[in-house]
PDB file of N, CA and C in Angstrom:
ATOM      1  N   UNK A   1     131.538 -18.096 145.812  1.00  0.00           N
ATOM      2  CA  UNK A   1     131.431 -17.381 144.750  1.00  0.00           C
ATOM      3  C   UNK A   1     130.155 -16.662 145.027  1.00  0.00           C
ATOM      4  N   UNK A   2     130.075 -15.676 144.401  1.00  0.00           N
ATOM      5  CA  UNK A   2     128.841 -14.919 144.546  1.00  0.00           C
ATOM      6  C   UNK A   2     128.556 -13.855 143.169  1.00  0.00           C
ATOM      7  N   UNK A   3     127.188 -13.304 143.905  1.00  0.00           N
ATOM      8  CA  UNK A   3     126.847 -13.471 142.212  1.00  0.00           C
ATOM      9  C   UNK A   3     127.035 -11.797 141.462  1.00  0.00           C
ATOM     10  N   UNK A   4     127.785 -11.075 141.988  1.00  0.00           N
ATOM     11  CA  UNK A   4     128.209  -9.705 142.093  1.00  0.00           C
ATOM     12  C   UNK A   4     129.504 -10.214 141.416  1.00  0.00           C
ATOM     13  N   UNK A   5     130.017 -11.373 141.576  1.00  0.00           N
ATOM     14  CA  UNK A   5     131.066 -12.123 140.775  1.00  0.00           C
ATOM     15  C   UNK A   5     131.117 -12.317 139.213  1.00  0.00           C
ATOM     16  N   UNK A   6     129.981 -13.445 139.409  1.00  0.00           N
ATOM     17  CA  UNK A   6     129.324 -13.314 138.491  1.00  0.00           C
ATOM     18  C   UNK A   6     128.601 -12.424 137.291  1.00  0.00           C
ATOM     19  N   UNK A   7     128.269 -12.012 137.735  1.00  0.00           N
ATOM     20  CA  UNK A   7     127.921 -10.339 137.240  1.00  0.00           C
ATOM     21  C   UNK A   7     128.711  -9.576 136.765  1.00  0.00           C
ATOM     22  N   UNK A   8     129.848  -9.703 137.387  1.00  0.00           N
ATOM     23  CA  UNK A   8     131.214  -8.971 136.589  1.00  0.00           C
ATOM     24  C   UNK A   8     131.582  -9.892 135.543  1.00  0.00           C
ATOM     25  N   UNK A   9     131.861 -10.921 135.671  1.00  0.00           N
ATOM     26  CA  UNK A   9     132.265 -11.940 134.569  1.00  0.00           C
ATOM     27  C   UNK A   9     131.355 -11.847 133.115  1.00  0.00           C
ATOM     28  N   UNK A  10     130.345 -11.626 133.423  1.00  0.00           N
ATOM     29  CA  UNK A  10     129.718 -11.448 132.070  1.00  0.00           C
ATOM     30  C   UNK A  10     129.651 -10.349 131.601  1.00  0.00           C
ATOM     31  N   UNK A  11     129.446  -9.372 132.969  1.00  0.00           N
ATOM     32  CA  UNK A  11     129.990  -8.117 131.943  1.00  0.00           C
ATOM     33  C   UNK A  11     130.839  -7.713 130.996  1.00  0.00           C
ATOM     34  N   UNK A  12     132.379  -8.459 131.747  1.00  0.00           N
ATOM     35  CA  UNK A  12     133.777  -8.150 131.131  1.00  0.00           C
ATOM     36  C   UNK A  12     133.387  -8.940 129.114  1.00  0.00           C
ATOM     37  N   UNK A  13     132.547 -10.318 129.806  1.00  0.00           N
ATOM     38  CA  UNK A  13     133.231 -10.922 128.602  1.00  0.00           C
ATOM     39  C   UNK A  13     131.607 -11.180 127.558  1.00  0.00           C
ATOM     40  N   UNK A  14     131.013 -10.511 128.056  1.00  0.00           N
ATOM     41  CA  UNK A  14     129.787 -10.035 126.795  1.00  0.00           C
ATOM     42  C   UNK A  14     129.290  -8.405 126.817  1.00  0.00           C
ATOM     43  N   UNK A  15     129.920  -8.046 125.261  1.00  0.00           N
ATOM     44  CA  UNK A  15     129.873  -6.751 124.676  1.00  0.00           C
ATOM     45  C   UNK A  15     128.694  -6.035 125.095  1.00  0.00           C
ATOM     46  N   UNK A  16     129.019  -5.125 125.754  1.00  0.00           N
ATOM     47  CA  UNK A  16     127.659  -4.150 126.131  1.00  0.00           C
ATOM     48  C   UNK A  16     126.323  -4.765 126.889  1.00  0.00           C
ATOM     49  N   UNK A  17     126.598  -5.727 127.608  1.00  0.00           N
ATOM     50  CA  UNK A  17     125.922  -6.559 128.785  1.00  0.00           C
ATOM     51  C   UNK A  17     125.355  -6.000 129.400  1.00  0.00           C
ATOM     52  N   UNK A  18     123.718  -6.178 129.639  1.00  0.00           N
ATOM     53  CA  UNK A  18     123.845  -5.748 131.194  1.00  0.00           C
ATOM     54  C   UNK A  18     122.761  -6.502 131.459  1.00  0.00           C
ATOM     55  N   UNK A  19     123.449  -7.230 132.846  1.00  0.00           N
ATOM     56  CA  UNK A  19     123.159  -8.310 134.037  1.00  0.00           C
ATOM     57  C   UNK A  19     123.019  -8.492 134.986  1.00  0.00           C
ATOM     58  N   UNK A  20     121.755  -9.292 135.644  1.00  0.00           N
ATOM     59  CA  UNK A  20     121.175  -9.570 136.813  1.00  0.00           C
ATOM     60  C   UNK A  20     121.508 -10.903 137.078  1.00  0.00           C
ATOM     61  N   UNK A  21     121.787 -11.298 138.472  1.00  0.00           N
ATOM     62  CA  UNK A  21     122.052 -12.492 138.904  1.00  0.00           C
ATOM     63  C   UNK A  21     121.434 -12.824 140.281  1.00  0.00           C
ATOM     64  N   UNK A  22     120.868 -13.540 140.672  1.00  0.00           N
ATOM     65  CA  UNK A  22     120.288 -13.275 141.883  1.00  0.00           C
ATOM     66  C   UNK A  22     121.296 -14.601 142.066  1.00  0.00           C
ATOM     67  N   UNK A  23     121.293 -15.430 143.796  1.00  0.00           N
ATOM     68  CA  UNK A  23     121.504 -16.868 144.315  1.00  0.00           C
ATOM     69  C   UNK A  23     122.606 -16.499 144.943  1.00  0.00           C
ATOM     70  N   UNK A  24     123.020 -17.770 145.845  1.00  0.00           N
ATOM     71  CA  UNK A  24     124.544 -17.893 146.085  1.00  0.00           C
ATOM     72  C   UNK A  24     125.222 -18.670 146.347  1.00  0.00           C
ATOM     73  N   UNK A  25     125.820 -19.317 147.225  1.00  0.00           N
ATOM     74  CA  UNK A  25     127.068 -20.129 147.042  1.00  0.00           C
ATOM     75  C   UNK A  25     127.278 -20.578 146.061  1.00  0.00           C
ATOM     76  N   UNK A  26     126.507 -22.014 145.398  1.00  0.00           N
ATOM     77  CA  UNK A  26     126.954 -22.566 143.882  1.00  0.00           C
ATOM     78  C   UNK A  26     125.827 -22.777 143.346  1.00  0.00           C
ATOM     79  N   UNK A  27     124.605 -22.239 143.414  1.00  0.00           N
ATOM     80  CA  UNK A  27     123.004 -22.007 142.399  1.00  0.00           C
ATOM     81  C   UNK A  27     122.377 -20.838 142.683  1.00  0.00           C
ATOM     82  N   UNK A  28     122.560 -19.969 141.145  1.00  0.00           N
ATOM     83  CA  UNK A  28     122.494 -18.865 140.314  1.00  0.00           C
ATOM     84  C   UNK A  28     121.385 -18.856 139.156  1.00  0.00           C
ATOM     85  N   UNK A  29     120.750 -17.750 139.174  1.00  0.00           N
ATOM     86  CA  UNK A  29     119.842 -17.536 138.660  1.00  0.00           C
ATOM     87  C   UNK A  29     120.076 -16.454 137.195  1.00  0.00           C
ATOM     88  N   UNK A  30     120.594 -16.322 135.688  1.00  0.00           N
ATOM     89  CA  UNK A  30     121.020 -15.036 135.603  1.00  0.00           C
ATOM     90  C   UNK A  30     120.302 -14.251 134.420  1.00  0.00           C
ATOM     91  N   UNK A  31     119.900 -13.187 134.491  1.00  0.00           N
ATOM     92  CA  UNK A  31     119.621 -12.737 132.839  1.00  0.00           C
ATOM     93  C   UNK A  31     120.411 -11.757 132.017  1.00  0.00           C
ATOM     94  N   UNK A  32     120.762 -12.098 130.931  1.00  0.00           N
ATOM     95  CA  UNK A  32     121.566 -11.506 130.601  1.00  0.00           C
ATOM     96  C   UNK A  32     120.979 -10.492 128.898  1.00  0.00           C
ATOM     97  N   UNK A  33     121.025  -9.255 129.124  1.00  0.00           N
ATOM     98  CA  UNK A  33     120.595  -8.684 127.544  1.00  0.00           C
ATOM     99  C   UNK A  33     121.362  -7.930 127.386  1.00  0.00           C
ATOM    100  N   UNK A  34     122.244  -8.516 125.464  1.00  0.00           N
ATOM    101  CA  UNK A  34     123.498  -8.146 125.374  1.00  0.00           C
ATOM    102  C   UNK A  34     123.068  -7.806 123.679  1.00  0.00           C
ATOM    103  N   UNK A  35     123.454  -6.883 122.922  1.00  0.00           N
ATOM    104  CA  UNK A  35     123.056  -6.518 121.080  1.00  0.00           C
ATOM    105  C   UNK A  35     124.272  -7.394 120.934  1.00  0.00           C
ATOM    106  N   UNK A  36     124.567  -7.935 121.565  1.00  0.00           N
ATOM    107  CA  UNK A  36     125.691  -9.013 120.627  1.00  0.00           C
ATOM    108  C   UNK A  36     125.336 -10.024 120.673  1.00  0.00           C
ATOM    109  N   UNK A  37     124.206 -10.514 121.092  1.00  0.00           N
ATOM    110  CA  UNK A  37     123.033 -11.624 121.126  1.00  0.00           C
ATOM    111  C   UNK A  37     122.028 -11.636 119.477  1.00  0.00           C
ATOM    112  N   UNK A  38     122.110 -10.304 119.579  1.00  0.00           N
ATOM    113  CA  UNK A  38     121.067 -10.300 117.477  1.00  0.00           C
ATOM    114  C   UNK A  38     121.961 -10.904 116.589  1.00  0.00           C
ATOM    115  N   UNK A  39     121.370 -12.218 116.075  1.00  0.00           N
ATOM    116  CA  UNK A  39     121.678 -12.702 114.933  1.00  0.00           C
ATOM    117  C   UNK A  39     122.013 -13.769 115.293  1.00  0.00           C
ATOM    118  N   UNK A  40     121.944 -14.238 116.665  1.00  0.00           N
ATOM    119  CA  UNK A  40     122.794 -15.300 116.930  1.00  0.00           C
ATOM    120  C   UNK A  40     121.663 -16.669 117.479  1.00  0.00           C
ATOM    121  N   UNK A  41     121.742 -17.942 117.298  1.00  0.00           N
ATOM    122  CA  UNK A  41     120.583 -18.724 117.958  1.00  0.00           C
ATOM    123  C   UNK A  41     121.010 -18.574 119.330  1.00  0.00           C
ATOM    124  N   UNK A  42     120.309 -19.262 120.226  1.00  0.00           N
ATOM    125  CA  UNK A  42     120.056 -19.340 121.215  1.00  0.00           C
ATOM    126  C   UNK A  42     121.266 -20.329 121.955  1.00  0.00           C
ATOM    127  N   UNK A  43     121.985 -21.236 121.236  1.00  0.00           N
ATOM    128  CA  UNK A  43     122.759 -22.248 121.712  1.00  0.00           C
ATOM    129  C   UNK A  43     124.158 -21.508 121.221  1.00  0.00           C
ATOM    130  N   UNK A  44     124.069 -20.470 120.447  1.00  0.00           N
ATOM    131  CA  UNK A  44     125.210 -19.695 119.929  1.00  0.00           C
ATOM    132  C   UNK A  44     125.206 -18.058 121.312  1.00  0.00           C
ATOM    133  N   UNK A  45     124.043 -18.336 121.766  1.00  0.00           N
ATOM    134  CA  UNK A  45     124.407 -16.935 122.678  1.00  0.00           C
ATOM    135  C   UNK A  45     124.491 -17.757 124.171  1.00  0.00           C
ATOM    136  N   UNK A  46     124.002 -19.258 124.641  1.00  0.00           N
ATOM    137  CA  UNK A  46     124.430 -19.758 125.695  1.00  0.00           C
ATOM    138  C   UNK A  46     126.009 -20.097 125.432  1.00  0.00           C
ATOM    139  N   UNK A  47     126.506 -20.151 124.294  1.00  0.00           N
ATOM    140  CA  UNK A  47     128.062 -20.900 124.211  1.00  0.00           C
ATOM    141  C   UNK A  47     128.719 -19.069 124.336  1.00  0.00           C
ATOM    142  N   UNK A  48     128.558 -17.819 124.278  1.00  0.00           N
ATOM    143  CA  UNK A  48     128.509 -16.742 124.835  1.00  0.00           C
ATOM    144  C   UNK A  48     128.283 -16.930 126.196  1.00  0.00           C
ATOM    145  N   UNK A  49     127.599 -17.332 126.704  1.00  0.00           N
ATOM    146  CA  UNK A  49     127.619 -17.113 128.266  1.00  0.00           C
ATOM    147  C   UNK A  49     128.618 -17.977 128.794  1.00  0.00           C
ATOM    148  N   UNK A  50     128.915 -19.403 128.695  1.00  0.00           N
ATOM    149  CA  UNK A  50     129.567 -19.842 129.124  1.00  0.00           C
ATOM    150  C   UNK A  50     131.259 -19.463 128.702  1.00  0.00           C
ATOM    151  N   UNK A  51     131.444 -19.070 127.751  1.00  0.00           N
ATOM    152  CA  UNK A  51     132.643 -18.389 127.670  1.00  0.00           C
ATOM    153  C   UNK A  51     133.219 -17.763 128.318  1.00  0.00           C
ATOM    154  N   UNK A  52     132.106 -17.083 129.046  1.00  0.00           N
ATOM    155  CA  UNK A  52     132.663 -15.361 129.431  1.00  0.00           C
ATOM    156  C   UNK A  52     132.997 -15.944 130.878  1.00  0.00           C
ATOM    157  N   UNK A  53     132.122 -17.259 131.397  1.00  0.00           N
ATOM    158  CA  UNK A  53     132.191 -17.510 132.473  1.00  0.00           C
ATOM    159  C   UNK A  53     133.468 -18.703 132.686  1.00  0.00           C
ATOM    160  N   UNK A  54     134.238 -19.175 131.809  1.00  0.00           N
ATOM    161  CA  UNK A  54     135.418 -19.809 131.649  1.00  0.00           C
ATOM    162  C   UNK A  54     135.039 -20.966 132.706  1.00  0.00           C
ATOM    163  N   UNK A  55     136.338 -21.260 133.417  1.00  0.00           N
ATOM    164  CA  UNK A  55     136.253 -22.775 134.025  1.00  0.00           C
ATOM    165  C   UNK A  55     135.215 -22.684 135.286  1.00  0.00           C
ATOM    166  N   UNK A  56     134.807 -21.519 135.452  1.00  0.00           N
ATOM    167  CA  UNK A  56     134.274 -21.404 136.838  1.00  0.00           C
ATOM    168  C   UNK A  56     132.416 -22.659 136.671  1.00  0.00           C
ATOM    169  N   UNK A  57     132.008 -22.881 135.611  1.00  0.00           N
ATOM    170  CA  UNK A  57     131.316 -23.946 135.397  1.00  0.00           C
ATOM    171  C   UNK A  57     131.716 -24.895 135.492  1.00  0.00           C
ATOM    172  N   UNK A  58     133.338 -25.246 135.723  1.00  0.00           N
ATOM    173  CA  UNK A  58     133.678 -26.699 136.193  1.00  0.00           C
ATOM    174  C   UNK A  58     133.913 -26.685 137.632  1.00  0.00           C
ATOM    175  N   UNK A  59     133.906 -26.232 138.717  1.00  0.00           N
ATOM    176  CA  UNK A  59     134.166 -26.072 140.076  1.00  0.00           C
ATOM    177  C   UNK A  59     133.046 -25.498 141.179  1.00  0.00           C
ATOM    178  N   UNK A  60     133.230 -24.123 140.863  1.00  0.00           N
ATOM    179  CA  UNK A  60     133.191 -22.751 141.958  1.00  0.00           C
ATOM    180  C   UNK A  60     131.231 -22.332 141.347  1.00  0.00           C
ATOM    181  N   UNK A  61     131.207 -22.811 140.112  1.00  0.00           N
ATOM    182  CA  UNK A  61     129.326 -22.545 140.253  1.00  0.00           C
ATOM    183  C   UNK A  61     128.631 -23.702 139.607  1.00  0.00           C
ATOM    184  N   UNK A  62     127.965 -24.426 140.876  1.00  0.00           N
ATOM    185  CA  UNK A  62     127.245 -25.945 140.640  1.00  0.00           C
ATOM    186  C   UNK A  62     126.369 -25.615 139.798  1.00  0.00           C
ATOM    187  N   UNK A  63     125.081 -24.553 139.775  1.00  0.00           N
ATOM    188  CA  UNK A  63     124.010 -24.426 138.755  1.00  0.00           C
ATOM    189  C   UNK A  63     123.855 -23.262 138.800  1.00  0.00           C
ATOM    190  N   UNK A  64     124.116 -23.207 136.892  1.00  0.00           N
ATOM    191  CA  UNK A  64     123.036 -21.637 136.648  1.00  0.00           C
ATOM    192  C   UNK A  64     122.223 -22.078 135.830  1.00  0.00           C
ATOM    193  N   UNK A  65     121.520 -21.032 135.867  1.00  0.00           N
ATOM    194  CA  UNK A  65     119.710 -21.397 134.795  1.00  0.00           C
ATOM    195  C   UNK A  65     120.191 -19.694 134.500  1.00  0.00           C
ATOM    196  N   UNK A  66     119.968 -19.306 133.118  1.00  0.00           N
ATOM    197  CA  UNK A  66     120.529 -18.409 132.977  1.00  0.00           C
ATOM    198  C   UNK A  66     119.432 -18.051 131.471  1.00  0.00           C
ATOM    199  N   UNK A  67     118.547 -16.460 131.445  1.00  0.00           N
ATOM    200  CA  UNK A  67     118.068 -16.191 130.075  1.00  0.00           C
ATOM    201  C   UNK A  67     118.865 -15.451 129.118  1.00  0.00           C
ATOM    202  N   UNK A  68     119.278 -15.621 128.185  1.00  0.00           N
ATOM    203  CA  UNK A  68     119.974 -14.725 127.222  1.00  0.00           C
ATOM    204  C   UNK A  68     118.513 -13.880 126.251  1.00  0.00           C
ATOM    205  N   UNK A  69     118.979 -12.286 126.088  1.00  0.00           N
ATOM    206  CA  UNK A  69     117.705 -11.534 125.401  1.00  0.00           C
ATOM    207  C   UNK A  69     118.610 -10.709 124.816  1.00  0.00           C
ATOM    208  N   UNK A  70     117.800  -9.957 123.644  1.00  0.00           N
ATOM    209  CA  UNK A  70     118.352  -9.167 122.765  1.00  0.00           C
ATOM    210  C   UNK A  70     117.510  -7.828 123.475  1.00  0.00           C
ATOM    211  N   UNK A  71     118.329  -6.812 123.119  1.00  0.00           N
ATOM    212  CA  UNK A  71     117.627  -5.301 123.798  1.00  0.00           C
ATOM    213  C   UNK A  71     116.006  -5.387 123.703  1.00  0.00           C
ATOM    214  N   UNK A  72     116.094  -5.633 122.216  1.00  0.00           N
ATOM    215  CA  UNK A  72     114.593  -5.541 121.813  1.00  0.00           C
ATOM    216  C   UNK A  72     113.463  -6.642 122.320  1.00  0.00           C
ATOM    217  N   UNK A  73     114.003  -8.309 122.539  1.00  0.00           N
ATOM    218  CA  UNK A  73     113.445  -9.063 123.420  1.00  0.00           C
ATOM    219  C   UNK A  73     113.332  -8.172 124.596  1.00  0.00           C
ATOM    220  N   UNK A  74     114.052  -7.824 125.512  1.00  0.00           N
ATOM    221  CA  UNK A  74     113.714  -7.391 126.593  1.00  0.00           C
ATOM    222  C   UNK A  74     112.864  -6.258 126.584  1.00  0.00           C
ATOM    223  N   UNK A  75     113.005  -5.601 125.547  1.00  0.00           N
ATOM    224  CA  UNK A  75     112.019  -4.485 125.695  1.00  0.00           C
ATOM    225  C   UNK A  75     110.090  -5.261 125.562  1.00  0.00           C
ATOM    226  N   UNK A  76     110.294  -6.088 125.220  1.00  0.00           N
ATOM    227  CA  UNK A  76     109.086  -6.715 124.586  1.00  0.00           C
ATOM    228  C   UNK A  76     108.268  -6.879 125.784  1.00  0.00           C
ATOM    229  N   UNK A  77     109.206  -7.987 126.723  1.00  0.00           N
ATOM    230  CA  UNK A  77     108.842  -8.664 128.045  1.00  0.00           C
ATOM    231  C   UNK A  77     108.060  -7.525 128.480  1.00  0.00           C
ATOM    232  N   UNK A  78     108.645  -6.237 129.069  1.00  0.00           N
ATOM    233  CA  UNK A  78     108.443  -5.431 129.290  1.00  0.00           C
ATOM    234  C   UNK A  78     107.019  -4.592 129.518  1.00  0.00           C
ATOM    235  N   UNK A  79     106.803  -4.888 128.321  1.00  0.00           N
ATOM    236  CA  UNK A  79     105.449  -3.866 126.996  1.00  0.00           C
ATOM    237  C   UNK A  79     104.190  -4.711 128.074  1.00  0.00           C
TER     238      UNK A  79
END
């Protein structure tokens, strides 16, 4: 599993997602920014990420740390 594979799955599974993923082998870090996260709790956002990855978390990906942000939250961090 490569970081780009995870990125593609997240982009396909989360509407309008902007995704960055780093890592290799079975340990990865991802940042996912999407307007689909607006109005959702952090738990709901993380459930969306896990849903987009499907069964990968059961085997191919051993560890994934990630941050989920709305576009507004992402813009505030840049300032």
